Amino acid sequence: MDTSYNTSVTNIIMWWQAQVDRPGSGGMLPVHVAALHGRLDCCKKLISAMPRFDINCADNSNRTLLHAAACSR
């Protein structure tokens, strides 16, 4: 797993001040997608950018960040 690429992409997202706390389709936040793909380094960076992040927030299917991480390969 190339963490340098993932961290670079996350850094670009942060630099452009993307709204990382806005859900996309299915109600998933970028941090949910990162967890789903097992990208812990990206998860840490995205969570640090959301000071009021609720670790128990769920997507439209009631899956939390923990659910997404458990489904990662």
Protein backbone atom coordinates (compact mmCIF):
# COMPACT_ATOMS: atom_id res chain seq x y z
CA MET A 1 0.00 0.00 0.00
CA ASP A 2 1.54 3.27 -1.13
CA THR A 3 0.81 5.63 1.75
CA SER A 4 2.89 8.46 0.27
CA TYR A 5 0.49 8.78 -2.69
CA ASN A 6 -2.57 8.68 -0.44
CA THR A 7 -1.10 11.26 1.91
CA SER A 8 -0.20 13.50 -1.04
CA VAL A 9 -3.75 13.34 -2.39
CA THR A 10 -5.12 14.14 1.06
CA ASN A 11 -2.69 17.06 1.38
CA ILE A 12 -3.92 18.47 -1.94
CA ILE A 13 -7.53 18.16 -0.78
CA MET A 14 -6.66 19.99 2.42
CA TRP A 15 -4.65 22.68 0.61
CA TRP A 16 -7.60 23.47 -1.66
CA GLN A 17 -9.75 23.69 1.47
CA ALA A 18 -12.23 21.15 0.19
CA GLN A 19 -15.30 20.70 2.33
CA VAL A 20 -14.30 17.41 3.92
CA ASP A 21 -17.29 17.53 6.24
CA ARG A 22 -19.88 17.43 3.42
CA PRO A 23 -21.30 14.05 2.51
CA GLY A 24 -21.26 12.81 -1.05
CA SER A 25 -23.54 10.32 -2.68
CA GLY A 26 -24.84 7.78 -0.23
CA GLY A 27 -24.16 10.18 2.62
CA MET A 28 -20.51 9.13 2.92
CA LEU A 29 -17.90 11.63 4.04
CA PRO A 30 -14.39 11.49 2.53
CA VAL A 31 -13.21 9.92 5.80
CA HIS A 32 -15.71 7.08 5.32
CA VAL A 33 -14.29 6.40 1.86
CA ALA A 34 -10.72 6.48 3.21
CA ALA A 35 -11.68 4.01 5.96
CA LEU A 36 -13.46 1.78 3.47
CA HIS A 37 -10.19 1.53 1.54
CA GLY A 38 -8.09 0.99 4.66
CA ARG A 39 -6.24 4.32 4.40
CA LEU A 40 -5.55 5.07 8.06
CA ASP A 41 -3.11 7.89 7.22
CA CYS A 42 -5.81 9.67 5.21
CA CYS A 43 -8.41 9.08 7.93
CA LYS A 44 -6.20 10.72 10.54
CA LYS A 45 -5.59 13.78 8.37
CA LEU A 46 -9.25 14.17 7.41
CA ILE A 47 -10.46 13.77 11.01
CA SER A 48 -7.94 16.36 12.19
CA ALA A 49 -9.45 18.80 9.66
CA MET A 50 -12.90 18.41 11.24
CA PRO A 51 -12.71 19.62 14.85
CA ARG A 52 -16.38 18.81 15.49
CA PHE A 53 -16.33 15.42 13.79
CA ASP A 54 -18.69 12.88 15.36
CA ILE A 55 -16.96 9.49 15.16
CA ASN A 56 -20.41 7.84 15.29
CA CYS A 57 -21.86 9.69 12.28
CA ALA A 58 -23.44 7.34 9.78
CA ASP A 59 -24.03 7.37 6.05
CA ASN A 60 -27.46 6.91 4.42
CA SER A 61 -27.27 3.16 5.11
CA ASN A 62 -26.51 3.72 8.82
CA ARG A 63 -22.89 2.59 8.43
CA THR A 64 -20.43 4.37 10.72
CA LEU A 65 -16.73 4.94 10.23
CA LEU A 66 -16.08 1.75 12.20
CA HIS A 67 -18.31 -0.20 9.83
CA ALA A 68 -16.39 1.20 6.84
CA ALA A 69 -13.04 0.31 8.42
CA ALA A 70 -14.23 -3.21 9.20
CA CYS A 71 -15.17 -3.70 5.55
CA SER A 72 -11.75 -2.60 4.27
CA ARG A 73 -9.39 -5.17 2.85
